Amino acid sequence: MANEYADLATLKLALKITDAERDDLLTAALAAASRAIDKKTGRRFWLDPSATARTYHPQGRVLRDERGDLLLIDDVGSATGLVVETGRGSTWSAVTGYETSPDNALTEERPITGLLLATGTWGTGTTRVRVSARWGWPAVPDEIAQATLLQAARLYRRKDSPEGVAGSGEWGLVRVPHLDPDVRALIEPYMLPGFA
């Protein structure tokens, strides 16, 4: 699968590998590290090439405050192709007058995660909200790229630590933890609530 958060050349540089003999193993480690970060954070950091539709039930996804109704949605990484509609089945009506949230998200290379209606509501009962968008992030955050490199290097070196145990003459045997503490620290600010 494509959409890795770091590239092979950078990983090889970090590991001081100059030949191409281990490229398949390194590429597999990059893919595994990237997908592990997706699972740990509950989101993905690549941007879809074109807009696709997702449907939301407003119940349990709307926050109400003095600004209006904020519908929480999956990460949207581009305003290009963004279309919002309400309805159900085959009957949909375009929604206008909404604002994206948080403010300036895309200019700060962060995703849109909510749609704010200052007046009106996102619907009740059987009403659904259909959002067509390019899902994902506008760019891979530096912390995610670094965490991917660290985790991929660790996965690559795992072949040298059978049964999850590594050791040296100086320290003796040490159990290798599931997730590198530095990787966890890098990805923690990007974790959605309920993922860990």
C-alpha atoms as a PDB file:
ATOM      1  CA  MET A   1       0.000   0.000   0.000  1.00  0.00           C
ATOM      2  CA  ALA A   2       1.177   3.515  -0.687  1.00  0.00           C
ATOM      3  CA  ASN A   3       0.641   6.557   1.538  1.00  0.00           C
ATOM      4  CA  GLU A   4       3.597   6.018   3.834  1.00  0.00           C
ATOM      5  CA  TYR A   5       4.502   8.974   6.024  1.00  0.00           C
ATOM      6  CA  ALA A   6       8.239   8.844   5.333  1.00  0.00           C
ATOM      7  CA  ASP A   7      10.286   7.802   2.328  1.00  0.00           C
ATOM      8  CA  LEU A   8      12.698   4.954   1.734  1.00  0.00           C
ATOM      9  CA  ALA A   9      15.710   7.204   1.029  1.00  0.00           C
ATOM     10  CA  THR A  10      15.362   8.976   4.391  1.00  0.00           C
ATOM     11  CA  LEU A  11      14.987   5.685   6.263  1.00  0.00           C
ATOM     12  CA  LYS A  12      18.070   4.245   4.544  1.00  0.00           C
ATOM     13  CA  LEU A  13      20.034   7.383   5.450  1.00  0.00           C
ATOM     14  CA  ALA A  14      18.945   7.078   9.091  1.00  0.00           C
ATOM     15  CA  LEU A  15      20.010   3.426   9.170  1.00  0.00           C
ATOM     16  CA  LYS A  16      23.237   4.093   7.208  1.00  0.00           C
ATOM     17  CA  ILE A  17      22.218   1.620   4.499  1.00  0.00           C
ATOM     18  CA  THR A  18      23.658   2.352   1.053  1.00  0.00           C
ATOM     19  CA  ASP A  19      22.757  -0.782  -0.920  1.00  0.00           C
ATOM     20  CA  ALA A  20      19.383  -1.793  -2.390  1.00  0.00           C
ATOM     21  CA  GLU A  21      19.408  -5.384  -1.118  1.00  0.00           C
ATOM     22  CA  ARG A  22      17.112  -4.657   1.840  1.00  0.00           C
ATOM     23  CA  ASP A  23      14.753  -2.225   0.119  1.00  0.00           C
ATOM     24  CA  ASP A  24      11.796  -4.625   0.227  1.00  0.00           C
ATOM     25  CA  LEU A  25      12.195  -5.136   3.989  1.00  0.00           C
ATOM     26  CA  LEU A  26      12.582  -1.408   4.579  1.00  0.00           C
ATOM     27  CA  THR A  27       9.555  -0.572   2.411  1.00  0.00           C
ATOM     28  CA  ALA A  28       7.477  -3.115   4.334  1.00  0.00           C
ATOM     29  CA  ALA A  29       8.647  -1.582   7.626  1.00  0.00           C
ATOM     30  CA  LEU A  30       7.620   1.920   6.432  1.00  0.00           C
ATOM     31  CA  ALA A  31       4.173   0.660   5.431  1.00  0.00           C
ATOM     32  CA  ALA A  32       3.684  -1.192   8.722  1.00  0.00           C
ATOM     33  CA  ALA A  33       4.849   1.813  10.767  1.00  0.00           C
ATOM     34  CA  SER A  34       2.522   4.161   8.876  1.00  0.00           C
ATOM     35  CA  ARG A  35      -0.515   1.913   9.334  1.00  0.00           C
ATOM     36  CA  ALA A  36       0.337   1.381  13.018  1.00  0.00           C
ATOM     37  CA  ILE A  37       0.335   5.163  13.489  1.00  0.00           C
ATOM     38  CA  ASP A  38      -3.073   5.319  11.762  1.00  0.00           C
ATOM     39  CA  LYS A  39      -4.432   2.760  14.218  1.00  0.00           C
ATOM     40  CA  LYS A  40      -2.885   4.385  17.291  1.00  0.00           C
ATOM     41  CA  THR A  41      -4.138   7.880  16.410  1.00  0.00           C
ATOM     42  CA  GLY A  42      -7.515   6.912  14.961  1.00  0.00           C
ATOM     43  CA  ARG A  43      -6.880   8.971  11.833  1.00  0.00           C
ATOM     44  CA  ARG A  44      -4.828   8.969   8.668  1.00  0.00           C
ATOM     45  CA  PHE A  45      -2.502  11.673   7.444  1.00  0.00           C
ATOM     46  CA  TRP A  46      -2.604  11.367   3.656  1.00  0.00           C
ATOM     47  CA  LEU A  47      -5.016  13.304   1.451  1.00  0.00           C
ATOM     48  CA  ASP A  48      -7.479  11.592  -0.876  1.00  0.00           C
ATOM     49  CA  PRO A  49      -6.839  12.481  -4.538  1.00  0.00           C
ATOM     50  CA  SER A  50     -10.534  13.267  -5.137  1.00  0.00           C
ATOM     51  CA  ALA A  51     -13.679  13.981  -3.146  1.00  0.00           C
ATOM     52  CA  THR A  52     -15.878  11.136  -1.923  1.00  0.00           C
ATOM     53  CA  ALA A  53     -19.096  11.250   0.101  1.00  0.00           C
ATOM     54  CA  ARG A  54     -19.590  10.193   3.715  1.00  0.00           C
ATOM     55  CA  THR A  55     -22.917  10.302   5.530  1.00  0.00           C
ATOM     56  CA  TYR A  56     -23.371  11.330   9.168  1.00  0.00           C
ATOM     57  CA  HIS A  57     -26.284  11.120  11.575  1.00  0.00           C
ATOM     58  CA  PRO A  58     -26.273  14.426  13.500  1.00  0.00           C
ATOM     59  CA  GLN A  59     -27.353  12.793  16.768  1.00  0.00           C
ATOM     60  CA  GLY A  60     -24.331  12.588  19.052  1.00  0.00           C
ATOM     61  CA  ARG A  61     -22.105  14.477  16.582  1.00  0.00           C
ATOM     62  CA  VAL A  62     -23.341  18.043  17.205  1.00  0.00           C
ATOM     63  CA  LEU A  63     -21.943  20.415  19.814  1.00  0.00           C
ATOM     64  CA  ARG A  64     -24.156  23.392  20.618  1.00  0.00           C
ATOM     65  CA  ASP A  65     -22.818  26.657  22.002  1.00  0.00           C
ATOM     66  CA  GLU A  66     -23.310  30.416  21.597  1.00  0.00           C
ATOM     67  CA  ARG A  67     -21.779  30.305  18.095  1.00  0.00           C
ATOM     68  CA  GLY A  68     -24.293  27.729  16.787  1.00  0.00           C
ATOM     69  CA  ASP A  69     -24.327  24.009  15.971  1.00  0.00           C
ATOM     70  CA  LEU A  70     -20.947  22.390  15.275  1.00  0.00           C
ATOM     71  CA  LEU A  71     -21.156  19.066  13.407  1.00  0.00           C
ATOM     72  CA  LEU A  72     -18.088  16.940  14.097  1.00  0.00           C
ATOM     73  CA  ILE A  73     -16.796  15.184  10.954  1.00  0.00           C
ATOM     74  CA  ASP A  74     -13.797  13.115   9.915  1.00  0.00           C
ATOM     75  CA  ASP A  75     -10.613  14.972   8.936  1.00  0.00           C
ATOM     76  CA  VAL A  76     -10.984  17.009   5.720  1.00  0.00           C
ATOM     77  CA  GLY A  77      -7.683  18.082   4.153  1.00  0.00           C
ATOM     78  CA  SER A  78      -8.861  20.348   1.322  1.00  0.00           C
ATOM     79  CA  ALA A  79     -11.722  22.740   0.639  1.00  0.00           C
ATOM     80  CA  THR A  80     -11.604  21.714  -3.025  1.00  0.00           C
ATOM     81  CA  GLY A  81     -14.659  19.590  -3.775  1.00  0.00           C
ATOM     82  CA  LEU A  82     -16.230  20.186  -0.341  1.00  0.00           C
ATOM     83  CA  VAL A  83     -20.021  19.816  -0.639  1.00  0.00           C
ATOM     84  CA  VAL A  84     -22.422  19.621   2.305  1.00  0.00           C
ATOM     85  CA  GLU A  85     -26.012  18.385   1.995  1.00  0.00           C
ATOM     86  CA  THR A  86     -28.825  17.341   4.321  1.00  0.00           C
ATOM     87  CA  GLY A  87     -31.552  14.813   3.628  1.00  0.00           C
ATOM     88  CA  ARG A  88     -31.863  11.057   3.363  1.00  0.00           C
ATOM     89  CA  GLY A  89     -32.256   8.319   0.794  1.00  0.00           C
ATOM     90  CA  SER A  90     -32.246   9.922  -2.645  1.00  0.00           C
ATOM     91  CA  THR A  91     -33.425  13.383  -1.533  1.00  0.00           C
ATOM     92  CA  TRP A  92     -30.639  15.790  -0.627  1.00  0.00           C
ATOM     93  CA  SER A  93     -30.497  19.596  -0.342  1.00  0.00           C
ATOM     94  CA  ALA A  94     -27.334  21.675  -0.452  1.00  0.00           C
ATOM     95  CA  VAL A  95     -26.354  23.434   2.761  1.00  0.00           C
ATOM     96  CA  THR A  96     -24.941  26.945   2.502  1.00  0.00           C
ATOM     97  CA  GLY A  97     -23.913  29.403   5.158  1.00  0.00           C
ATOM     98  CA  TYR A  98     -21.813  26.986   7.168  1.00  0.00           C
ATOM     99  CA  GLU A  99     -18.274  27.704   8.359  1.00  0.00           C
ATOM    100  CA  THR A 100     -15.432  25.244   8.619  1.00  0.00           C
ATOM    101  CA  SER A 101     -13.807  24.603  11.972  1.00  0.00           C
ATOM    102  CA  PRO A 102     -11.300  25.129  13.436  1.00  0.00           C
ATOM    103  CA  ASP A 103     -10.638  28.563  11.991  1.00  0.00           C
ATOM    104  CA  ASN A 104      -7.673  28.701   9.593  1.00  0.00           C
ATOM    105  CA  ALA A 105      -7.158  24.942   9.835  1.00  0.00           C
ATOM    106  CA  LEU A 106      -6.031  24.415   6.246  1.00  0.00           C
ATOM    107  CA  THR A 107      -3.673  27.407   6.212  1.00  0.00           C
ATOM    108  CA  GLU A 108      -2.028  25.947   9.338  1.00  0.00           C
ATOM    109  CA  GLU A 109      -1.784  22.529   7.602  1.00  0.00           C
ATOM    110  CA  ARG A 110      -4.365  21.029   9.964  1.00  0.00           C
ATOM    111  CA  PRO A 111      -7.610  19.359   8.872  1.00  0.00           C
ATOM    112  CA  ILE A 112     -11.136  20.685   9.012  1.00  0.00           C
ATOM    113  CA  THR A 113     -12.878  18.654  11.733  1.00  0.00           C
ATOM    114  CA  GLY A 114     -16.218  20.413  12.056  1.00  0.00           C
ATOM    115  CA  LEU A 115     -18.896  22.352  10.206  1.00  0.00           C
ATOM    116  CA  LEU A 116     -20.518  25.252  12.079  1.00  0.00           C
ATOM    117  CA  LEU A 117     -24.067  26.473  11.415  1.00  0.00           C
ATOM    118  CA  ALA A 118     -24.610  29.848  13.088  1.00  0.00           C
ATOM    119  CA  THR A 119     -28.366  29.649  12.445  1.00  0.00           C
ATOM    120  CA  GLY A 120     -30.552  26.574  12.143  1.00  0.00           C
ATOM    121  CA  THR A 121     -29.706  22.991  13.001  1.00  0.00           C
ATOM    122  CA  TRP A 122     -28.104  20.016  11.281  1.00  0.00           C
ATOM    123  CA  GLY A 123     -31.404  18.127  11.503  1.00  0.00           C
ATOM    124  CA  THR A 124     -33.236  15.731  13.732  1.00  0.00           C
ATOM    125  CA  GLY A 125     -34.882  12.341  13.499  1.00  0.00           C
ATOM    126  CA  THR A 126     -34.009  10.585  10.257  1.00  0.00           C
ATOM    127  CA  THR A 127     -32.168  13.535   8.696  1.00  0.00           C
ATOM    128  CA  ARG A 128     -28.602  12.814   7.672  1.00  0.00           C
ATOM    129  CA  VAL A 129     -25.745  15.050   6.625  1.00  0.00           C
ATOM    130  CA  ARG A 130     -23.785  14.011   3.542  1.00  0.00           C
ATOM    131  CA  VAL A 131     -20.339  15.533   3.173  1.00  0.00           C
ATOM    132  CA  SER A 132     -18.317  15.136  -0.013  1.00  0.00           C
ATOM    133  CA  ALA A 133     -14.680  16.006   0.572  1.00  0.00           C
ATOM    134  CA  ARG A 134     -11.060  15.077   0.106  1.00  0.00           C
ATOM    135  CA  TRP A 135     -10.560  13.221   3.390  1.00  0.00           C
ATOM    136  CA  GLY A 136      -7.287  13.215   5.298  1.00  0.00           C
ATOM    137  CA  TRP A 137      -4.712  15.856   6.133  1.00  0.00           C
ATOM    138  CA  PRO A 138      -3.397  18.651   3.901  1.00  0.00           C
ATOM    139  CA  ALA A 139       0.195  17.546   4.635  1.00  0.00           C
ATOM    140  CA  VAL A 140       1.898  14.945   6.784  1.00  0.00           C
ATOM    141  CA  PRO A 141       2.950  16.651  10.056  1.00  0.00           C
ATOM    142  CA  ASP A 142       6.692  16.596  10.783  1.00  0.00           C
ATOM    143  CA  GLU A 143       6.085  14.712  14.038  1.00  0.00           C
ATOM    144  CA  ILE A 144       4.219  11.956  12.197  1.00  0.00           C
ATOM    145  CA  ALA A 145       7.004  11.634   9.606  1.00  0.00           C
ATOM    146  CA  GLN A 146       9.629  11.393  12.371  1.00  0.00           C
ATOM    147  CA  ALA A 147       7.571   8.867  14.342  1.00  0.00           C
ATOM    148  CA  THR A 148       7.234   6.780  11.175  1.00  0.00           C
ATOM    149  CA  LEU A 149      10.996   6.758  10.655  1.00  0.00           C
ATOM    150  CA  LEU A 150      11.639   5.760  14.266  1.00  0.00           C
ATOM    151  CA  GLN A 151       9.046   3.000  14.225  1.00  0.00           C
ATOM    152  CA  ALA A 152      10.090   1.703  10.784  1.00  0.00           C
ATOM    153  CA  ALA A 153      13.732   1.522  11.883  1.00  0.00           C
ATOM    154  CA  ARG A 154      12.631  -0.327  14.984  1.00  0.00           C
ATOM    155  CA  LEU A 155      10.540  -2.781  12.960  1.00  0.00           C
ATOM    156  CA  TYR A 156      13.416  -3.359  10.561  1.00  0.00           C
ATOM    157  CA  ARG A 157      15.816  -4.066  13.450  1.00  0.00           C
ATOM    158  CA  ARG A 158      13.251  -6.385  15.036  1.00  0.00           C
ATOM    159  CA  LYS A 159      14.691  -9.264  13.021  1.00  0.00           C
ATOM    160  CA  ASP A 160      17.702  -8.994  15.361  1.00  0.00           C
ATOM    161  CA  SER A 161      15.595  -9.280  18.542  1.00  0.00           C
ATOM    162  CA  PRO A 162      13.814 -12.646  18.482  1.00  0.00           C
ATOM    163  CA  GLU A 163      10.922 -13.064  20.903  1.00  0.00           C
ATOM    164  CA  GLY A 164      10.959  -9.311  21.581  1.00  0.00           C
ATOM    165  CA  VAL A 165      14.167  -9.440  23.597  1.00  0.00           C
ATOM    166  CA  ALA A 166      17.254  -7.380  22.800  1.00  0.00           C
ATOM    167  CA  GLY A 167      20.496  -7.339  24.662  1.00  0.00           C
ATOM    168  CA  SER A 168      24.059  -6.234  24.989  1.00  0.00           C
ATOM    169  CA  GLY A 169      27.042  -7.282  27.075  1.00  0.00           C
ATOM    170  CA  GLU A 170      26.794  -4.049  29.058  1.00  0.00           C
ATOM    171  CA  TRP A 171      23.043  -4.018  29.847  1.00  0.00           C
ATOM    172  CA  GLY A 172      22.079  -7.659  29.537  1.00  0.00           C
ATOM    173  CA  LEU A 173      18.717  -8.702  28.121  1.00  0.00           C
ATOM    174  CA  VAL A 174      15.965  -6.099  27.823  1.00  0.00           C
ATOM    175  CA  ARG A 175      12.318  -6.653  26.793  1.00  0.00           C
ATOM    176  CA  VAL A 176      11.469  -4.493  23.771  1.00  0.00           C
ATOM    177  CA  PRO A 177       8.224  -2.526  24.441  1.00  0.00           C
ATOM    178  CA  HIS A 178       5.428  -2.588  21.844  1.00  0.00           C
ATOM    179  CA  LEU A 179       5.646   1.121  20.989  1.00  0.00           C
ATOM    180  CA  ASP A 180       8.772   3.213  21.305  1.00  0.00           C
ATOM    181  CA  PRO A 181       8.237   5.921  23.982  1.00  0.00           C
ATOM    182  CA  ASP A 182       9.559   8.587  21.600  1.00  0.00           C
ATOM    183  CA  VAL A 183       7.103   7.494  18.912  1.00  0.00           C
ATOM    184  CA  ARG A 184       4.270   7.678  21.420  1.00  0.00           C
ATOM    185  CA  ALA A 185       5.334  11.170  22.516  1.00  0.00           C
ATOM    186  CA  LEU A 186       5.432  12.343  18.881  1.00  0.00           C
ATOM    187  CA  ILE A 187       2.008  10.980  17.923  1.00  0.00           C
ATOM    188  CA  GLU A 188       0.156  11.625  21.189  1.00  0.00           C
ATOM    189  CA  PRO A 189      -1.003  15.171  20.279  1.00  0.00           C
ATOM    190  CA  TYR A 190      -2.614  13.719  17.132  1.00  0.00           C
ATOM    191  CA  MET A 191      -4.565  10.922  18.864  1.00  0.00           C
ATOM    192  CA  LEU A 192      -8.323  11.135  18.734  1.00  0.00           C
ATOM    193  CA  PRO A 193     -10.064  10.544  22.080  1.00  0.00           C
ATOM    194  CA  GLY A 194     -10.657   6.848  22.636  1.00  0.00           C
ATOM    195  CA  PHE A 195      -7.565   5.696  20.736  1.00  0.00           C
ATOM    196  CA  ALA A 196      -4.267   4.691  22.338  1.00  0.00           C
END
